[in-house]
Amino acid sequence: MSKVKITQVRSAINRTGRQKRTLEALGLRKMNQSVEHEATAQVKGMIARVSHLITVEEVQ
């Protein structure tokens, strides 16, 4: 599996509860915080839900 680096670039303020919980499930709590995850189907689904709040890049 490949790994992805996910960085939160927009605030979760004024977002739906589902989007806030998705960010927390990804491990993101603050602006400009980054986390690395395996690129599984579940993680890709979470990325799609909050794609407007994060940036994603592949990790070698």
PDB file of N, CA and C in Angstrom:
ATOM      1  N   MET A   1       0.832  -1.189   0.000  1.00  0.00           N
ATOM      2  CA  MET A   1       0.000   0.000   0.000  1.00  0.00           C
ATOM      3  C   MET A   1       0.874   1.249   0.000  1.00  0.00           C
ATOM      4  N   SER A   2       0.419   2.245  -0.683  1.00  0.00           N
ATOM      5  CA  SER A   2       1.129   3.516  -0.672  1.00  0.00           C
ATOM      6  C   SER A   2       0.650   4.338   0.517  1.00  0.00           C
ATOM      7  N   LYS A   3       1.450   5.312   0.871  1.00  0.00           N
ATOM      8  CA  LYS A   3       1.092   6.191   1.971  1.00  0.00           C
ATOM      9  C   LYS A   3       0.759   7.564   1.412  1.00  0.00           C
ATOM     10  N   VAL A   4      -0.114   8.272   2.122  1.00  0.00           N
ATOM     11  CA  VAL A   4      -0.472   9.622   1.741  1.00  0.00           C
ATOM     12  C   VAL A   4      -0.258  10.542   2.938  1.00  0.00           C
ATOM     13  N   LYS A   5       0.157  11.751   2.633  1.00  0.00           N
ATOM     14  CA  LYS A   5       0.317  12.784   3.650  1.00  0.00           C
ATOM     15  C   LYS A   5      -0.852  13.742   3.502  1.00  0.00           C
ATOM     16  N   ILE A   6      -1.614  13.910   4.581  1.00  0.00           N
ATOM     17  CA  ILE A   6      -2.811  14.742   4.567  1.00  0.00           C
ATOM     18  C   ILE A   6      -2.565  15.949   5.453  1.00  0.00           C
ATOM     19  N   THR A   7      -2.797  17.147   4.918  1.00  0.00           N
ATOM     20  CA  THR A   7      -2.594  18.391   5.650  1.00  0.00           C
ATOM     21  C   THR A   7      -3.889  19.183   5.654  1.00  0.00           C
ATOM     22  N   GLN A   8      -4.306  19.643   6.837  1.00  0.00           N
ATOM     23  CA  GLN A   8      -5.505  20.471   6.936  1.00  0.00           C
ATOM     24  C   GLN A   8      -5.140  21.906   6.583  1.00  0.00           C
ATOM     25  N   VAL A   9      -5.799  22.465   5.569  1.00  0.00           N
ATOM     26  CA  VAL A   9      -5.484  23.820   5.116  1.00  0.00           C
ATOM     27  C   VAL A   9      -6.631  24.800   5.337  1.00  0.00           C
ATOM     28  N   ARG A  10      -7.817  24.304   5.683  1.00  0.00           N
ATOM     29  CA  ARG A  10      -8.951  25.183   5.972  1.00  0.00           C
ATOM     30  C   ARG A  10      -9.559  24.780   7.306  1.00  0.00           C
ATOM     31  N   SER A  11     -10.187  25.723   7.947  1.00  0.00           N
ATOM     32  CA  SER A  11     -10.737  25.530   9.274  1.00  0.00           C
ATOM     33  C   SER A  11     -12.003  24.670   9.255  1.00  0.00           C
ATOM     34  N   ALA A  12     -12.256  24.002  10.382  1.00  0.00           N
ATOM     35  CA  ALA A  12     -13.465  23.204  10.539  1.00  0.00           C
ATOM     36  C   ALA A  12     -14.606  24.023  11.140  1.00  0.00           C
ATOM     37  N   ILE A  13     -14.363  25.295  11.408  1.00  0.00           N
ATOM     38  CA  ILE A  13     -15.405  26.157  11.946  1.00  0.00           C
ATOM     39  C   ILE A  13     -16.503  26.327  10.890  1.00  0.00           C
ATOM     40  N   ASN A  14     -17.744  26.294  11.328  1.00  0.00           N
ATOM     41  CA  ASN A  14     -18.926  26.402  10.462  1.00  0.00           C
ATOM     42  C   ASN A  14     -19.049  25.245   9.467  1.00  0.00           C
ATOM     43  N   ARG A  15     -18.521  24.087   9.799  1.00  0.00           N
ATOM     44  CA  ARG A  15     -18.684  22.884   8.978  1.00  0.00           C
ATOM     45  C   ARG A  15     -19.680  21.961   9.663  1.00  0.00           C
ATOM     46  N   THR A  16     -20.197  21.004   8.930  1.00  0.00           N
ATOM     47  CA  THR A  16     -21.154  20.070   9.514  1.00  0.00           C
ATOM     48  C   THR A  16     -20.455  19.167  10.522  1.00  0.00           C
ATOM     49  N   GLY A  17     -21.255  18.586  11.395  1.00  0.00           N
ATOM     50  CA  GLY A  17     -20.706  17.675  12.400  1.00  0.00           C
ATOM     51  C   GLY A  17     -20.002  16.489  11.768  1.00  0.00           C
ATOM     52  N   ARG A  18     -20.550  16.004  10.657  1.00  0.00           N
ATOM     53  CA  ARG A  18     -19.937  14.858   9.975  1.00  0.00           C
ATOM     54  C   ARG A  18     -18.539  15.206   9.467  1.00  0.00           C
ATOM     55  N   GLN A  19     -18.372  16.413   8.918  1.00  0.00           N
ATOM     56  CA  GLN A  19     -17.055  16.823   8.419  1.00  0.00           C
ATOM     57  C   GLN A  19     -16.071  16.995   9.568  1.00  0.00           C
ATOM     58  N   LYS A  20     -16.526  17.547  10.680  1.00  0.00           N
ATOM     59  CA  LYS A  20     -15.654  17.713  11.850  1.00  0.00           C
ATOM     60  C   LYS A  20     -15.206  16.358  12.383  1.00  0.00           C
ATOM     61  N   ARG A  21     -16.141  15.411  12.462  1.00  0.00           N
ATOM     62  CA  ARG A  21     -15.791  14.073  12.953  1.00  0.00           C
ATOM     63  C   ARG A  21     -14.861  13.355  11.986  1.00  0.00           C
ATOM     64  N   THR A  22     -15.016  13.586  10.692  1.00  0.00           N
ATOM     65  CA  THR A  22     -14.123  12.972   9.703  1.00  0.00           C
ATOM     66  C   THR A  22     -12.705  13.494   9.862  1.00  0.00           C
ATOM     67  N   LEU A  23     -12.557  14.809  10.070  1.00  0.00           N
ATOM     68  CA  LEU A  23     -11.227  15.367  10.303  1.00  0.00           C
ATOM     69  C   LEU A  23     -10.602  14.769  11.551  1.00  0.00           C
ATOM     70  N   GLU A  24     -11.379  14.630  12.619  1.00  0.00           N
ATOM     71  CA  GLU A  24     -10.866  14.039  13.854  1.00  0.00           C
ATOM     72  C   GLU A  24     -10.470  12.586  13.633  1.00  0.00           C
ATOM     73  N   ALA A  25     -11.253  11.852  12.858  1.00  0.00           N
ATOM     74  CA  ALA A  25     -10.952  10.445  12.573  1.00  0.00           C
ATOM     75  C   ALA A  25      -9.650  10.319  11.783  1.00  0.00           C
ATOM     76  N   LEU A  26      -9.357  11.319  10.949  1.00  0.00           N
ATOM     77  CA  LEU A  26      -8.092  11.320  10.211  1.00  0.00           C
ATOM     78  C   LEU A  26      -6.919  11.727  11.105  1.00  0.00           C
ATOM     79  N   GLY A  27      -7.220  12.278  12.283  1.00  0.00           N
ATOM     80  CA  GLY A  27      -6.162  12.695  13.199  1.00  0.00           C
ATOM     81  C   GLY A  27      -5.804  14.157  13.071  1.00  0.00           C
ATOM     82  N   LEU A  28      -6.651  14.943  12.424  1.00  0.00           N
ATOM     83  CA  LEU A  28      -6.380  16.360  12.216  1.00  0.00           C
ATOM     84  C   LEU A  28      -7.168  17.192  13.214  1.00  0.00           C
ATOM     85  N   ARG A  29      -6.465  18.048  13.960  1.00  0.00           N
ATOM     86  CA  ARG A  29      -7.119  18.864  14.972  1.00  0.00           C
ATOM     87  C   ARG A  29      -6.835  20.349  14.806  1.00  0.00           C
ATOM     88  N   LYS A  30      -5.735  20.687  14.138  1.00  0.00           N
ATOM     89  CA  LYS A  30      -5.325  22.082  13.999  1.00  0.00           C
ATOM     90  C   LYS A  30      -5.040  22.397  12.540  1.00  0.00           C
ATOM     91  N   MET A  31      -5.077  23.673  12.220  1.00  0.00           N
ATOM     92  CA  MET A  31      -4.706  24.125  10.889  1.00  0.00           C
ATOM     93  C   MET A  31      -3.234  23.797  10.618  1.00  0.00           C
ATOM     94  N   ASN A  32      -2.925  23.450   9.404  1.00  0.00           N
ATOM     95  CA  ASN A  32      -1.569  23.135   8.935  1.00  0.00           C
ATOM     96  C   ASN A  32      -0.953  21.923   9.614  1.00  0.00           C
ATOM     97  N   GLN A  33      -1.756  21.132  10.295  1.00  0.00           N
ATOM     98  CA  GLN A  33      -1.266  19.884  10.876  1.00  0.00           C
ATOM     99  C   GLN A  33      -1.264  18.816   9.787  1.00  0.00           C
ATOM    100  N   SER A  34      -0.247  17.953   9.797  1.00  0.00           N
ATOM    101  CA  SER A  34      -0.142  16.891   8.800  1.00  0.00           C
ATOM    102  C   SER A  34      -0.107  15.530   9.476  1.00  0.00           C
ATOM    103  N   VAL A  35      -0.691  14.553   8.809  1.00  0.00           N
ATOM    104  CA  VAL A  35      -0.648  13.170   9.265  1.00  0.00           C
ATOM    105  C   VAL A  35      -0.401  12.282   8.053  1.00  0.00           C
ATOM    106  N   GLU A  36       0.133  11.088   8.310  1.00  0.00           N
ATOM    107  CA  GLU A  36       0.350  10.117   7.244  1.00  0.00           C
ATOM    108  C   GLU A  36      -0.507   8.894   7.506  1.00  0.00           C
ATOM    109  N   HIS A  37      -1.134   8.389   6.454  1.00  0.00           N
ATOM    110  CA  HIS A  37      -1.977   7.204   6.541  1.00  0.00           C
ATOM    111  C   HIS A  37      -1.697   6.314   5.340  1.00  0.00           C
ATOM    112  N   GLU A  38      -1.989   5.019   5.502  1.00  0.00           N
ATOM    113  CA  GLU A  38      -1.994   4.112   4.366  1.00  0.00           C
ATOM    114  C   GLU A  38      -3.165   4.481   3.475  1.00  0.00           C
ATOM    115  N   ALA A  39      -3.012   4.341   2.177  1.00  0.00           N
ATOM    116  CA  ALA A  39      -4.062   4.734   1.227  1.00  0.00           C
ATOM    117  C   ALA A  39      -5.061   3.596   1.045  1.00  0.00           C
ATOM    118  N   THR A  40      -5.835   3.309   2.103  1.00  0.00           N
ATOM    119  CA  THR A  40      -6.865   2.270   2.034  1.00  0.00           C
ATOM    120  C   THR A  40      -8.155   2.864   1.489  1.00  0.00           C
ATOM    121  N   ALA A  41      -9.106   2.019   1.194  1.00  0.00           N
ATOM    122  CA  ALA A  41     -10.388   2.482   0.672  1.00  0.00           C
ATOM    123  C   ALA A  41     -11.105   3.360   1.685  1.00  0.00           C
ATOM    124  N   GLN A  42     -10.996   3.020   2.977  1.00  0.00           N
ATOM    125  CA  GLN A  42     -11.660   3.808   4.013  1.00  0.00           C
ATOM    126  C   GLN A  42     -11.062   5.203   4.099  1.00  0.00           C
ATOM    127  N   VAL A  43      -9.751   5.304   4.053  1.00  0.00           N
ATOM    128  CA  VAL A  43      -9.088   6.605   4.132  1.00  0.00           C
ATOM    129  C   VAL A  43      -9.395   7.432   2.888  1.00  0.00           C
ATOM    130  N   LYS A  44      -9.412   6.797   1.728  1.00  0.00           N
ATOM    131  CA  LYS A  44      -9.746   7.522   0.494  1.00  0.00           C
ATOM    132  C   LYS A  44     -11.165   8.075   0.549  1.00  0.00           C
ATOM    133  N   GLY A  45     -12.088   7.339   1.163  1.00  0.00           N
ATOM    134  CA  GLY A  45     -13.453   7.820   1.318  1.00  0.00           C
ATOM    135  C   GLY A  45     -13.520   9.026   2.237  1.00  0.00           C
ATOM    136  N   MET A  46     -12.754   8.987   3.337  1.00  0.00           N
ATOM    137  CA  MET A  46     -12.721  10.134   4.247  1.00  0.00           C
ATOM    138  C   MET A  46     -12.102  11.349   3.565  1.00  0.00           C
ATOM    139  N   ILE A  47     -11.072  11.115   2.765  1.00  0.00           N
ATOM    140  CA  ILE A  47     -10.435  12.213   2.032  1.00  0.00           C
ATOM    141  C   ILE A  47     -11.442  12.856   1.079  1.00  0.00           C
ATOM    142  N   ALA A  48     -12.248  12.049   0.413  1.00  0.00           N
ATOM    143  CA  ALA A  48     -13.237  12.580  -0.521  1.00  0.00           C
ATOM    144  C   ALA A  48     -14.283  13.435   0.192  1.00  0.00           C
ATOM    145  N   ARG A  49     -14.649  13.058   1.422  1.00  0.00           N
ATOM    146  CA  ARG A  49     -15.654  13.804   2.179  1.00  0.00           C
ATOM    147  C   ARG A  49     -15.201  15.211   2.552  1.00  0.00           C
ATOM    148  N   VAL A  50     -13.901  15.358   2.846  1.00  0.00           N
ATOM    149  CA  VAL A  50     -13.400  16.657   3.325  1.00  0.00           C
ATOM    150  C   VAL A  50     -12.313  17.209   2.408  1.00  0.00           C
ATOM    151  N   SER A  51     -12.389  16.881   1.124  1.00  0.00           N
ATOM    152  CA  SER A  51     -11.342  17.283   0.180  1.00  0.00           C
ATOM    153  C   SER A  51     -11.195  18.793   0.073  1.00  0.00           C
ATOM    154  N   HIS A  52     -12.250  19.545   0.362  1.00  0.00           N
ATOM    155  CA  HIS A  52     -12.195  21.004   0.284  1.00  0.00           C
ATOM    156  C   HIS A  52     -11.485  21.622   1.497  1.00  0.00           C
ATOM    157  N   LEU A  53     -11.184  20.810   2.507  1.00  0.00           N
ATOM    158  CA  LEU A  53     -10.520  21.313   3.718  1.00  0.00           C
ATOM    159  C   LEU A  53      -9.068  20.864   3.841  1.00  0.00           C
ATOM    160  N   ILE A  54      -8.630  19.961   2.974  1.00  0.00           N
ATOM    161  CA  ILE A  54      -7.308  19.352   3.117  1.00  0.00           C
ATOM    162  C   ILE A  54      -6.555  19.345   1.789  1.00  0.00           C
ATOM    163  N   THR A  55      -5.245  19.096   1.877  1.00  0.00           N
ATOM    164  CA  THR A  55      -4.451  18.786   0.699  1.00  0.00           C
ATOM    165  C   THR A  55      -3.856  17.404   0.915  1.00  0.00           C
ATOM    166  N   VAL A  56      -3.679  16.667  -0.167  1.00  0.00           N
ATOM    167  CA  VAL A  56      -3.190  15.297  -0.103  1.00  0.00           C
ATOM    168  C   VAL A  56      -2.018  15.139  -1.037  1.00  0.00           C
ATOM    169  N   GLU A  57      -0.952  14.487  -0.560  1.00  0.00           N
ATOM    170  CA  GLU A  57       0.186  14.201  -1.429  1.00  0.00           C
ATOM    171  C   GLU A  57       0.722  12.810  -1.130  1.00  0.00           C
ATOM    172  N   GLU A  58       1.238  12.159  -2.143  1.00  0.00           N
ATOM    173  CA  GLU A  58       1.798  10.816  -1.997  1.00  0.00           C
ATOM    174  C   GLU A  58       3.131  10.897  -1.277  1.00  0.00           C
ATOM    175  N   VAL A  59       3.415   9.889  -0.453  1.00  0.00           N
ATOM    176  CA  VAL A  59       4.683   9.811   0.260  1.00  0.00           C
ATOM    177  C   VAL A  59       5.458   8.649  -0.326  1.00  0.00           C
ATOM    178  N   GLN A  60       6.717   8.884  -0.606  1.00  0.00           N
ATOM    179  CA  GLN A  60       7.571   7.831  -1.186  1.00  0.00           C
ATOM    180  C   GLN A  60       8.087   6.883  -0.124  1.00  0.00           C
TER     181      GLN A  60
END
